Amino acid sequence: MRRPQDCRDSRRIDDIRHYDDFSPLTIDQIQGLVESIQDAFGNDFSRAIFTNHLLALLEDVPGYETGDVPATLIESAWVAYSQSASPSK
């Protein structure tokens, strides 16, 4: 008889990692995301458009693919983007 905690691919449900089980992204990783957005889409976005691009990019990052992205990550990425897009840099 199958136990409810077992999955078909031999992993246990308890072994499945949820988005809050992953380590937060490092500053370098956040900067890499920002650079990817800049390379692909440019440098002149409002916060809302930048956030949409960030969320689309994060769909392929394990732990963030469900769209449950912490506000602190979005804020950190926006700050990095804003600073790198400013003419003073």
N, C-alpha and C. Protein backbone atom coordinates (compact mmCIF):
# COMPACT_ATOMS: atom_id res chain seq x y z
N MET A 1 0.84 -1.18 0.00
CA MET A 1 0.00 0.00 0.00
C MET A 1 0.88 1.24 0.00
N ARG A 2 0.50 2.20 -0.78
CA ARG A 2 1.25 3.45 -0.89
C ARG A 2 0.99 4.35 0.30
N ARG A 3 2.05 4.91 0.81
CA ARG A 3 1.90 5.87 1.91
C ARG A 3 1.70 7.26 1.30
N PRO A 4 0.86 8.09 1.92
CA PRO A 4 0.60 9.41 1.35
C PRO A 4 1.82 10.31 1.29
N GLN A 5 2.81 10.06 2.12
CA GLN A 5 3.99 10.93 2.11
C GLN A 5 4.99 10.56 1.01
N ASP A 6 4.74 9.49 0.26
CA ASP A 6 5.64 9.08 -0.81
C ASP A 6 5.17 9.63 -2.15
N CYS A 7 6.13 10.01 -2.96
CA CYS A 7 5.85 10.48 -4.31
C CYS A 7 6.19 9.37 -5.29
N ARG A 8 5.69 9.48 -6.49
CA ARG A 8 5.94 8.46 -7.51
C ARG A 8 7.42 8.34 -7.86
N ASP A 9 8.15 9.43 -7.82
CA ASP A 9 9.56 9.37 -8.22
C ASP A 9 10.48 9.05 -7.05
N SER A 10 9.96 8.43 -6.04
CA SER A 10 10.68 7.93 -4.86
C SER A 10 11.11 9.01 -3.88
N ARG A 11 10.80 10.27 -4.16
CA ARG A 11 11.07 11.31 -3.17
C ARG A 11 9.91 11.33 -2.19
N ARG A 12 10.20 11.75 -1.01
CA ARG A 12 9.13 11.93 -0.03
C ARG A 12 8.62 13.35 -0.12
N ILE A 13 7.36 13.53 0.14
CA ILE A 13 6.79 14.87 0.11
C ILE A 13 7.54 15.78 1.07
N ASP A 14 7.99 15.23 2.17
CA ASP A 14 8.75 16.03 3.14
C ASP A 14 10.07 16.53 2.57
N ASP A 15 10.57 15.90 1.50
CA ASP A 15 11.84 16.28 0.90
C ASP A 15 11.70 17.41 -0.12
N ILE A 16 10.48 17.74 -0.50
CA ILE A 16 10.27 18.78 -1.48
C ILE A 16 10.58 20.12 -0.83
N ARG A 17 11.40 20.92 -1.53
CA ARG A 17 11.79 22.21 -0.97
C ARG A 17 10.82 23.28 -1.42
N HIS A 18 10.38 24.09 -0.51
CA HIS A 18 9.50 25.21 -0.80
C HIS A 18 10.34 26.47 -0.95
N TYR A 19 9.74 27.51 -1.54
CA TYR A 19 10.52 28.70 -1.86
C TYR A 19 11.22 29.29 -0.64
N ASP A 20 10.63 29.18 0.54
CA ASP A 20 11.27 29.76 1.71
C ASP A 20 12.33 28.84 2.32
N ASP A 21 12.55 27.66 1.71
CA ASP A 21 13.61 26.76 2.14
C ASP A 21 14.93 27.05 1.44
N PHE A 22 14.89 27.85 0.38
CA PHE A 22 16.09 28.16 -0.37
C PHE A 22 16.81 29.34 0.28
N SER A 23 18.12 29.34 0.13
CA SER A 23 18.89 30.48 0.64
C SER A 23 18.51 31.72 -0.15
N PRO A 24 18.52 32.88 0.50
CA PRO A 24 18.25 34.10 -0.25
C PRO A 24 19.35 34.34 -1.27
N LEU A 25 19.03 35.05 -2.30
CA LEU A 25 20.03 35.36 -3.32
C LEU A 25 21.08 36.30 -2.73
N THR A 26 22.30 36.14 -3.18
CA THR A 26 23.39 37.01 -2.73
C THR A 26 23.32 38.34 -3.48
N ILE A 27 24.06 39.30 -3.01
CA ILE A 27 24.13 40.60 -3.70
C ILE A 27 24.64 40.41 -5.13
N ASP A 28 25.64 39.55 -5.29
CA ASP A 28 26.17 39.30 -6.64
C ASP A 28 25.12 38.66 -7.55
N GLN A 29 24.31 37.76 -7.01
CA GLN A 29 23.26 37.13 -7.80
C GLN A 29 22.18 38.14 -8.18
N ILE A 30 21.83 39.01 -7.25
CA ILE A 30 20.85 40.06 -7.55
C ILE A 30 21.40 40.99 -8.62
N GLN A 31 22.66 41.36 -8.49
CA GLN A 31 23.29 42.22 -9.50
C GLN A 31 23.30 41.53 -10.86
N GLY A 32 23.52 40.21 -10.87
CA GLY A 32 23.48 39.45 -12.12
C GLY A 32 22.10 39.48 -12.76
N LEU A 33 21.05 39.38 -11.94
CA LEU A 33 19.68 39.49 -12.47
C LEU A 33 19.45 40.88 -13.08
N VAL A 34 19.90 41.90 -12.36
CA VAL A 34 19.75 43.28 -12.84
C VAL A 34 20.48 43.45 -14.17
N GLU A 35 21.70 42.94 -14.26
CA GLU A 35 22.46 43.05 -15.51
C GLU A 35 21.78 42.30 -16.64
N SER A 36 21.19 41.17 -16.34
CA SER A 36 20.46 40.41 -17.37
C SER A 36 19.28 41.21 -17.90
N ILE A 37 18.56 41.87 -16.99
CA ILE A 37 17.43 42.71 -17.41
C ILE A 37 17.92 43.86 -18.26
N GLN A 38 19.00 44.49 -17.84
CA GLN A 38 19.54 45.62 -18.60
C GLN A 38 20.01 45.17 -19.98
N ASP A 39 20.69 44.04 -20.05
CA ASP A 39 21.18 43.54 -21.33
C ASP A 39 20.04 43.19 -22.28
N ALA A 40 19.00 42.58 -21.73
CA ALA A 40 17.90 42.12 -22.57
C ALA A 40 16.89 43.22 -22.92
N PHE A 41 16.65 44.14 -21.98
CA PHE A 41 15.55 45.08 -22.16
C PHE A 41 15.92 46.56 -22.11
N GLY A 42 17.10 46.87 -21.58
CA GLY A 42 17.50 48.27 -21.51
C GLY A 42 17.56 48.79 -20.08
N ASN A 43 17.64 50.11 -19.97
CA ASN A 43 17.96 50.76 -18.70
C ASN A 43 16.96 51.80 -18.23
N ASP A 44 15.86 51.96 -18.92
CA ASP A 44 15.01 53.11 -18.62
C ASP A 44 13.58 52.67 -18.30
N PHE A 45 13.41 51.98 -17.16
CA PHE A 45 12.10 51.47 -16.79
C PHE A 45 11.58 52.09 -15.52
N SER A 46 10.26 52.18 -15.45
CA SER A 46 9.63 52.53 -14.18
C SER A 46 9.78 51.31 -13.27
N ARG A 47 9.51 51.52 -12.01
CA ARG A 47 9.61 50.41 -11.06
C ARG A 47 8.65 49.27 -11.43
N ALA A 48 7.45 49.59 -11.84
CA ALA A 48 6.46 48.57 -12.18
C ALA A 48 6.93 47.71 -13.36
N ILE A 49 7.45 48.34 -14.39
CA ILE A 49 7.91 47.58 -15.56
C ILE A 49 9.15 46.77 -15.20
N PHE A 50 10.07 47.37 -14.45
CA PHE A 50 11.24 46.63 -14.00
C PHE A 50 10.82 45.39 -13.20
N THR A 51 9.86 45.56 -12.29
CA THR A 51 9.39 44.45 -11.47
C THR A 51 8.81 43.34 -12.34
N ASN A 52 8.05 43.70 -13.36
CA ASN A 52 7.51 42.69 -14.28
C ASN A 52 8.62 41.91 -14.97
N HIS A 53 9.65 42.61 -15.43
CA HIS A 53 10.79 41.93 -16.06
C HIS A 53 11.50 41.02 -15.06
N LEU A 54 11.68 41.49 -13.83
CA LEU A 54 12.34 40.70 -12.80
C LEU A 54 11.54 39.43 -12.50
N LEU A 55 10.24 39.56 -12.33
CA LEU A 55 9.40 38.40 -12.03
C LEU A 55 9.41 37.40 -13.18
N ALA A 56 9.43 37.89 -14.41
CA ALA A 56 9.50 36.99 -15.57
C ALA A 56 10.82 36.23 -15.57
N LEU A 57 11.89 36.91 -15.24
CA LEU A 57 13.20 36.27 -15.20
C LEU A 57 13.27 35.24 -14.07
N LEU A 58 12.67 35.56 -12.95
CA LEU A 58 12.72 34.66 -11.79
C LEU A 58 11.87 33.40 -11.97
N GLU A 59 11.00 33.37 -12.97
CA GLU A 59 10.19 32.17 -13.21
C GLU A 59 11.04 30.94 -13.45
N ASP A 60 12.28 31.14 -13.89
CA ASP A 60 13.18 30.02 -14.17
C ASP A 60 14.18 29.75 -13.05
N VAL A 61 14.05 30.45 -11.94
CA VAL A 61 14.96 30.28 -10.81
C VAL A 61 14.28 29.39 -9.77
N PRO A 62 14.90 28.25 -9.43
CA PRO A 62 14.28 27.36 -8.43
C PRO A 62 13.97 28.11 -7.13
N GLY A 63 12.76 27.90 -6.66
CA GLY A 63 12.32 28.54 -5.44
C GLY A 63 11.53 29.81 -5.68
N TYR A 64 11.64 30.37 -6.88
CA TYR A 64 10.93 31.61 -7.20
C TYR A 64 9.94 31.43 -8.35
N GLU A 65 9.89 30.22 -8.92
CA GLU A 65 9.08 29.99 -10.11
C GLU A 65 7.58 30.12 -9.88
N THR A 66 7.14 30.07 -8.67
CA THR A 66 5.70 30.19 -8.39
C THR A 66 5.24 31.63 -8.32
N GLY A 67 6.15 32.56 -8.38
CA GLY A 67 5.80 33.97 -8.30
C GLY A 67 5.78 34.50 -6.89
N ASP A 68 6.07 33.65 -5.91
CA ASP A 68 6.13 34.10 -4.51
C ASP A 68 7.52 34.68 -4.24
N VAL A 69 7.71 35.90 -4.68
CA VAL A 69 9.01 36.55 -4.56
C VAL A 69 8.95 37.52 -3.38
N PRO A 70 9.88 37.40 -2.45
CA PRO A 70 9.86 38.31 -1.29
C PRO A 70 10.02 39.77 -1.72
N ALA A 71 9.28 40.64 -1.06
CA ALA A 71 9.35 42.07 -1.35
C ALA A 71 10.77 42.60 -1.16
N THR A 72 11.51 42.01 -0.24
CA THR A 72 12.88 42.47 0.00
C THR A 72 13.77 42.20 -1.20
N LEU A 73 13.54 41.10 -1.91
CA LEU A 73 14.31 40.80 -3.11
C LEU A 73 13.99 41.81 -4.21
N ILE A 74 12.71 42.09 -4.38
CA ILE A 74 12.31 43.07 -5.40
C ILE A 74 12.91 44.44 -5.07
N GLU A 75 12.86 44.82 -3.81
CA GLU A 75 13.42 46.11 -3.38
C GLU A 75 14.93 46.16 -3.62
N SER A 76 15.64 45.10 -3.25
CA SER A 76 17.09 45.06 -3.45
C SER A 76 17.45 45.15 -4.93
N ALA A 77 16.70 44.44 -5.75
CA ALA A 77 16.96 44.48 -7.19
C ALA A 77 16.66 45.86 -7.76
N TRP A 78 15.58 46.48 -7.29
CA TRP A 78 15.23 47.82 -7.77
C TRP A 78 16.31 48.82 -7.39
N VAL A 79 16.81 48.73 -6.17
CA VAL A 79 17.88 49.64 -5.74
C VAL A 79 19.12 49.46 -6.63
N ALA A 80 19.50 48.21 -6.87
CA ALA A 80 20.67 47.94 -7.72
C ALA A 80 20.44 48.48 -9.13
N TYR A 81 19.24 48.26 -9.66
CA TYR A 81 18.91 48.75 -10.99
C TYR A 81 18.93 50.28 -11.04
N SER A 82 18.32 50.90 -10.06
CA SER A 82 18.27 52.36 -10.01
C SER A 82 19.66 52.99 -9.94
N GLN A 83 20.51 52.38 -9.12
CA GLN A 83 21.86 52.90 -8.95
C GLN A 83 22.68 52.71 -10.23
N SER A 84 22.52 51.57 -10.87
CA SER A 84 23.30 51.32 -12.09
C SER A 84 22.76 52.09 -13.28
N ALA A 85 21.49 52.45 -13.25
CA ALA A 85 20.89 53.20 -14.35
C ALA A 85 21.08 54.70 -14.20
N SER A 86 21.50 55.14 -13.03
CA SER A 86 21.65 56.58 -12.79
C SER A 86 22.86 57.12 -13.55
N PRO A 87 22.77 58.36 -14.03
CA PRO A 87 23.87 58.93 -14.80
C PRO A 87 25.13 59.17 -13.98
N SER A 88 25.03 59.16 -12.66
CA SER A 88 26.21 59.43 -11.83
C SER A 88 27.17 58.26 -11.77
N LYS A 89 26.75 57.10 -12.26
CA LYS A 89 27.63 55.93 -12.22
C LYS A 89 28.49 55.85 -13.44
